[in-house]
Amino acid sequence: MSYVDLHLHLLPGVDDGAQDEHDALVHARRLAVEGVREVTVTPHISPSWPLEVASIPGRVAALQKAIDKRSLGVRLHAGGEIHPRSAAGLTDDELEILANGPPGSRWLLLEAPFGGVGDHFIGICDGLRARGFGLVIAHPERAGRLLDDGGVDLLRTQLHAGAVLQINVCSLLGNHGLSVQETAVHLLRSGLAYAIASDGHPGSRSHTLRLGFELAMRAGASSVAAWRLTQANPRFLLHQGIPQTPSPATTAALELMLD
């Protein structure tokens, strides 16, 4: 197995994830043992966690050097988990630092609001897309009353525009309550979820994406579907990205990978 984790708070000393380099390296060893070979390091980009975006690539490079020194075989990519309240205030240069994917197909990890998906959030999505970035929407299952208040229908407008949904291991595990777990399973079984990520926080959420593979099958996915959600699809996003205006062929390819 060779898992690819698009959402992980591994960067030390910047948010509620790894508190120092020791914490980060302990978790990196766990990643290596459990077959997670590539990760996007996604510190919170949020009013609650002041962080100079320009410092992220250097911080990631320093952590990569420490990982390589120990021959752990885990490759890091710089990124960030963007809070909706922070999105409009980020410069184009900052968004470029936080984005992944090749030129012309760059995408951002945008956090779904816990308060629920509404028109304001959709406007934020549209605004980031207008600035030239595709979107991976993080943990939509944690958005309040997603299945009851029309949130799924609003998210479908984003999927039709090329966005994809990423659900969390801890949600499938039930750590955020039964309602969130049921919503995550619904998104998985309905084919709306495109990727699973750990949203790991070393020291408090120590699981890796390997558990996501097991939980996906427990929720009803085939082994092939679980492989796509935890390996093929996130790898596709890292290396192929999300075109700003998906072509019919690209849209068909994304839909095929969800089948």
Protein backbone atom coordinates (compact mmCIF):
# COMPACT_ATOMS: atom_id res chain seq x y z
CA MET A 1 0.00 0.00 0.00
CA SER A 2 1.11 3.58 -0.69
CA TYR A 3 -1.32 6.05 0.87
CA VAL A 4 -1.44 9.76 0.00
CA ASP A 5 -2.76 12.06 2.75
CA LEU A 6 -3.95 15.50 1.63
CA HIS A 7 -4.84 16.88 5.07
CA LEU A 8 -2.41 16.57 7.98
CA HIS A 9 -1.30 18.97 10.73
CA LEU A 10 2.30 17.75 10.83
CA LEU A 11 4.12 21.08 10.76
CA PRO A 12 5.55 21.65 14.25
CA GLY A 13 4.72 24.58 16.48
CA VAL A 14 2.21 26.41 14.29
CA ASP A 15 -1.27 25.19 15.31
CA ASP A 16 -3.02 22.46 17.31
CA GLY A 17 -1.12 19.70 15.50
CA ALA A 18 2.49 18.69 16.19
CA GLN A 19 3.78 20.84 19.02
CA ASP A 20 7.48 20.43 18.19
CA GLU A 21 9.79 18.58 15.84
CA HIS A 22 9.85 15.53 18.11
CA ASP A 23 6.06 15.17 17.83
CA ALA A 24 6.26 15.59 14.06
CA LEU A 25 8.98 12.96 13.67
CA VAL A 26 7.19 10.45 15.90
CA HIS A 27 4.15 10.81 13.66
CA ALA A 28 6.29 10.66 10.51
CA ARG A 29 7.66 7.32 11.69
CA ARG A 30 4.10 6.10 12.15
CA LEU A 31 3.28 7.25 8.64
CA ALA A 32 6.22 5.31 7.25
CA VAL A 33 5.34 2.14 9.14
CA GLU A 34 1.71 2.30 8.01
CA GLY A 35 2.48 2.91 4.35
CA VAL A 36 1.72 6.62 4.00
CA ARG A 37 4.28 7.77 1.44
CA GLU A 38 3.14 11.29 0.49
CA VAL A 39 1.41 13.94 2.58
CA THR A 40 0.31 17.52 2.15
CA VAL A 41 1.24 19.45 5.27
CA THR A 42 -1.79 21.64 5.99
CA PRO A 43 -1.45 24.04 8.93
CA HIS A 44 -4.55 26.04 9.81
CA ILE A 45 -4.82 29.27 7.87
CA SER A 46 -7.26 30.83 10.27
CA PRO A 47 -7.82 33.91 12.44
CA SER A 48 -7.35 31.59 15.43
CA TRP A 49 -3.82 30.57 14.38
CA PRO A 50 -1.66 33.47 13.19
CA LEU A 51 0.91 32.11 10.75
CA GLU A 52 2.95 33.87 8.09
CA VAL A 53 2.03 31.99 4.92
CA ALA A 54 5.36 32.87 3.32
CA SER A 55 7.14 30.89 6.07
CA ILE A 56 5.40 27.60 5.23
CA PRO A 57 7.67 26.36 2.39
CA GLY A 58 10.80 26.91 4.51
CA ARG A 59 9.23 25.18 7.51
CA VAL A 60 8.18 22.23 5.36
CA ALA A 61 11.66 22.00 3.81
CA ALA A 62 13.24 21.92 7.28
CA LEU A 63 10.91 19.13 8.39
CA GLN A 64 11.54 17.22 5.16
CA LYS A 65 15.29 17.46 5.83
CA ALA A 66 14.78 15.98 9.31
CA ILE A 67 12.62 13.18 7.88
CA ASP A 68 15.15 12.41 5.14
CA LYS A 69 17.98 12.35 7.68
CA ARG A 70 16.16 9.45 9.35
CA SER A 71 15.44 7.72 6.01
CA LEU A 72 11.70 7.51 6.71
CA GLY A 73 10.65 7.66 3.07
CA VAL A 74 7.79 10.17 3.55
CA ARG A 75 7.52 12.99 1.01
CA LEU A 76 6.01 16.29 2.13
CA HIS A 77 4.13 18.90 0.09
CA ALA A 78 3.49 22.41 1.40
CA GLY A 79 -0.12 23.48 1.75
CA GLY A 80 -2.63 24.79 4.23
CA GLU A 81 -6.19 24.33 5.46
CA ILE A 82 -7.91 27.62 4.66
CA HIS A 83 -10.65 28.79 6.98
CA PRO A 84 -13.50 30.49 5.09
CA ARG A 85 -13.05 33.69 7.11
CA SER A 86 -9.42 33.93 5.99
CA ALA A 87 -9.88 33.20 2.29
CA ALA A 88 -10.71 36.69 1.02
CA GLY A 89 -7.79 38.29 2.87
CA LEU A 90 -5.13 36.09 1.31
CA THR A 91 -3.08 37.54 -1.53
CA ASP A 92 -2.64 35.73 -4.83
CA ASP A 93 0.96 34.98 -3.87
CA GLU A 94 -0.18 33.47 -0.57
CA LEU A 95 -2.80 31.35 -2.32
CA GLU A 96 -0.12 30.10 -4.70
CA ILE A 97 2.02 29.01 -1.74
CA LEU A 98 -0.93 27.11 -0.26
CA ALA A 99 -1.96 25.48 -3.54
CA ASN A 100 -1.00 22.07 -4.91
CA GLY A 101 -1.15 20.53 -8.37
CA PRO A 102 0.62 21.45 -11.62
CA PRO A 103 0.37 24.85 -13.36
CA GLY A 104 -3.09 25.42 -14.79
CA SER A 105 -4.62 22.90 -12.40
CA ARG A 106 -3.74 24.30 -8.97
CA TRP A 107 -6.12 23.66 -6.09
CA LEU A 108 -6.64 24.76 -2.50
CA LEU A 109 -7.83 22.90 0.60
CA LEU A 110 -10.80 24.93 1.87
CA GLU A 111 -12.37 24.07 5.22
CA ALA A 112 -16.13 23.52 5.22
CA PRO A 113 -17.69 25.70 7.95
CA PHE A 114 -18.87 23.86 11.05
CA GLY A 115 -21.89 26.16 11.19
CA GLY A 116 -23.24 24.76 7.93
CA VAL A 117 -22.89 25.18 4.18
CA GLY A 118 -24.82 28.19 2.94
CA ASP A 119 -24.78 30.80 0.22
CA HIS A 120 -21.96 32.73 1.89
CA PHE A 121 -19.65 29.71 1.77
CA ILE A 122 -20.59 29.05 -1.85
CA GLY A 123 -19.67 32.65 -2.62
CA ILE A 124 -16.25 32.11 -1.06
CA CYS A 125 -15.79 29.00 -3.22
CA ASP A 126 -16.78 30.90 -6.34
CA GLY A 127 -14.41 33.73 -5.42
CA LEU A 128 -11.40 31.43 -5.06
CA ARG A 129 -12.25 29.72 -8.32
CA ALA A 130 -12.47 33.11 -10.04
CA ARG A 131 -8.92 33.77 -8.81
CA GLY A 132 -7.72 30.68 -10.69
CA PHE A 133 -7.83 27.83 -8.17
CA GLY A 134 -9.71 24.57 -7.98
CA LEU A 135 -11.03 23.41 -4.62
CA VAL A 136 -10.79 20.39 -2.37
CA ILE A 137 -13.46 20.98 0.28
CA ALA A 138 -12.30 19.56 3.61
CA HIS A 139 -14.53 17.54 5.94
CA PRO A 140 -17.97 18.65 4.65
CA GLU A 141 -19.48 15.97 6.88
CA ARG A 142 -18.65 18.17 9.87
CA ALA A 143 -20.74 21.07 8.52
CA GLY A 144 -23.84 21.39 10.66
CA ARG A 145 -27.04 19.72 9.41
CA LEU A 146 -25.53 19.09 5.96
CA LEU A 147 -28.13 16.47 5.04
CA ASP A 148 -31.10 18.42 6.42
CA ASP A 149 -30.63 22.04 5.33
CA GLY A 150 -29.89 21.73 1.62
CA GLY A 151 -26.14 21.82 2.16
CA VAL A 152 -25.55 18.79 -0.05
CA ASP A 153 -27.43 20.42 -2.92
CA LEU A 154 -25.27 23.54 -2.57
CA LEU A 155 -22.13 21.40 -2.56
CA ARG A 156 -23.28 19.71 -5.74
CA THR A 157 -23.05 23.06 -7.51
CA GLN A 158 -19.37 23.11 -6.54
CA LEU A 159 -18.83 19.53 -7.69
CA HIS A 160 -20.33 20.43 -11.07
CA ALA A 161 -17.83 23.30 -11.23
CA GLY A 162 -14.95 20.87 -10.63
CA ALA A 163 -14.51 20.87 -6.82
CA VAL A 164 -14.11 17.60 -4.92
CA LEU A 165 -14.98 16.58 -1.37
CA GLN A 166 -12.54 15.18 1.20
CA ILE A 167 -13.87 13.35 4.27
CA ASN A 168 -11.96 12.60 7.47
CA VAL A 169 -10.84 9.35 9.04
CA CYS A 170 -11.91 10.60 12.47
CA SER A 171 -15.42 11.28 11.14
CA LEU A 172 -15.74 7.73 9.80
CA LEU A 173 -14.41 6.52 13.14
CA GLY A 174 -17.22 8.30 14.98
CA ASN A 175 -14.97 10.62 16.98
CA HIS A 176 -17.14 13.65 16.19
CA GLY A 177 -20.44 11.98 17.01
CA LEU A 178 -22.96 9.72 15.32
CA SER A 179 -24.48 12.41 13.10
CA VAL A 180 -21.10 13.34 11.59
CA GLN A 181 -20.24 9.67 11.15
CA GLU A 182 -23.52 8.97 9.35
CA THR A 183 -23.00 11.99 7.09
CA ALA A 184 -19.49 10.85 6.21
CA VAL A 185 -20.77 7.37 5.38
CA HIS A 186 -23.55 8.90 3.25
CA LEU A 187 -21.04 10.98 1.27
CA LEU A 188 -18.89 7.91 0.77
CA ARG A 189 -21.69 5.55 -0.26
CA SER A 190 -23.32 8.11 -2.56
CA GLY A 191 -20.05 8.64 -4.44
CA LEU A 192 -19.83 12.31 -3.48
CA ALA A 193 -16.62 11.85 -1.48
CA TYR A 194 -13.56 11.88 -3.71
CA ALA A 195 -10.84 11.38 -1.10
CA ILE A 196 -10.34 10.39 2.52
CA ALA A 197 -7.67 12.15 4.58
CA SER A 198 -6.51 11.69 8.15
CA ASP A 199 -6.79 15.32 9.33
CA GLY A 200 -4.20 13.99 11.77
CA HIS A 201 -3.08 16.09 14.72
CA PRO A 202 -0.01 14.43 16.29
CA GLY A 203 -0.57 14.22 20.01
CA SER A 204 -4.38 14.14 19.85
CA ARG A 205 -5.38 12.41 16.58
CA SER A 206 -2.59 9.93 16.00
CA HIS A 207 -4.34 7.77 13.40
CA THR A 208 -3.04 7.63 9.83
CA LEU A 209 -4.74 7.17 6.49
CA ARG A 210 -4.28 3.40 6.68
CA LEU A 211 -7.19 3.36 9.11
CA GLY A 212 -9.23 5.28 6.53
CA PHE A 213 -8.80 2.42 4.06
CA GLU A 214 -10.15 -0.04 6.63
CA LEU A 215 -13.02 2.25 7.66
CA ALA A 216 -14.05 2.84 4.05
CA MET A 217 -14.53 -0.90 3.55
CA ARG A 218 -16.34 -1.15 6.86
CA ALA A 219 -18.71 1.56 5.60
CA GLY A 220 -19.49 -0.48 2.49
CA ALA A 221 -16.81 0.46 -0.03
CA SER A 222 -15.13 -2.24 -2.06
CA SER A 223 -11.38 -2.68 -1.70
CA VAL A 224 -10.98 -0.99 -5.09
CA ALA A 225 -13.10 1.99 -4.02
CA ALA A 226 -11.17 2.24 -0.73
CA TRP A 227 -7.92 2.20 -2.72
CA ARG A 228 -9.17 5.04 -4.92
CA LEU A 229 -10.28 7.13 -1.93
CA THR A 230 -7.00 6.77 -0.03
CA GLN A 231 -4.42 6.30 -2.77
CA ALA A 232 -5.33 6.77 -6.45
CA ASN A 233 -7.59 9.83 -6.13
CA PRO A 234 -5.42 11.88 -3.76
CA ARG A 235 -2.35 11.00 -5.82
CA PHE A 236 -4.21 12.17 -8.93
CA LEU A 237 -4.95 15.49 -7.24
CA LEU A 238 -1.33 16.02 -6.23
CA HIS A 239 0.13 15.25 -9.63
CA GLN A 240 -2.68 16.12 -12.07
CA GLY A 241 -4.60 18.69 -10.05
CA ILE A 242 -8.00 20.24 -10.79
CA PRO A 243 -8.22 22.30 -14.01
CA GLN A 244 -9.78 25.71 -13.41
CA THR A 245 -12.31 24.91 -16.12
CA PRO A 246 -12.62 21.13 -16.28
CA SER A 247 -12.81 19.75 -19.81
CA PRO A 248 -15.45 17.11 -20.60
CA ALA A 249 -12.68 14.50 -20.67
CA THR A 250 -11.37 15.55 -17.25
CA THR A 251 -14.87 15.60 -15.79
CA ALA A 252 -15.51 12.13 -17.17
CA ALA A 253 -12.24 10.88 -15.69
CA LEU A 254 -13.14 12.26 -12.25
CA GLU A 255 -16.60 10.71 -12.42
CA LEU A 256 -15.13 7.37 -13.51
CA MET A 257 -12.79 7.37 -10.52
CA LEU A 258 -15.82 7.90 -8.26
CA ASP A 259 -17.82 5.00 -9.74
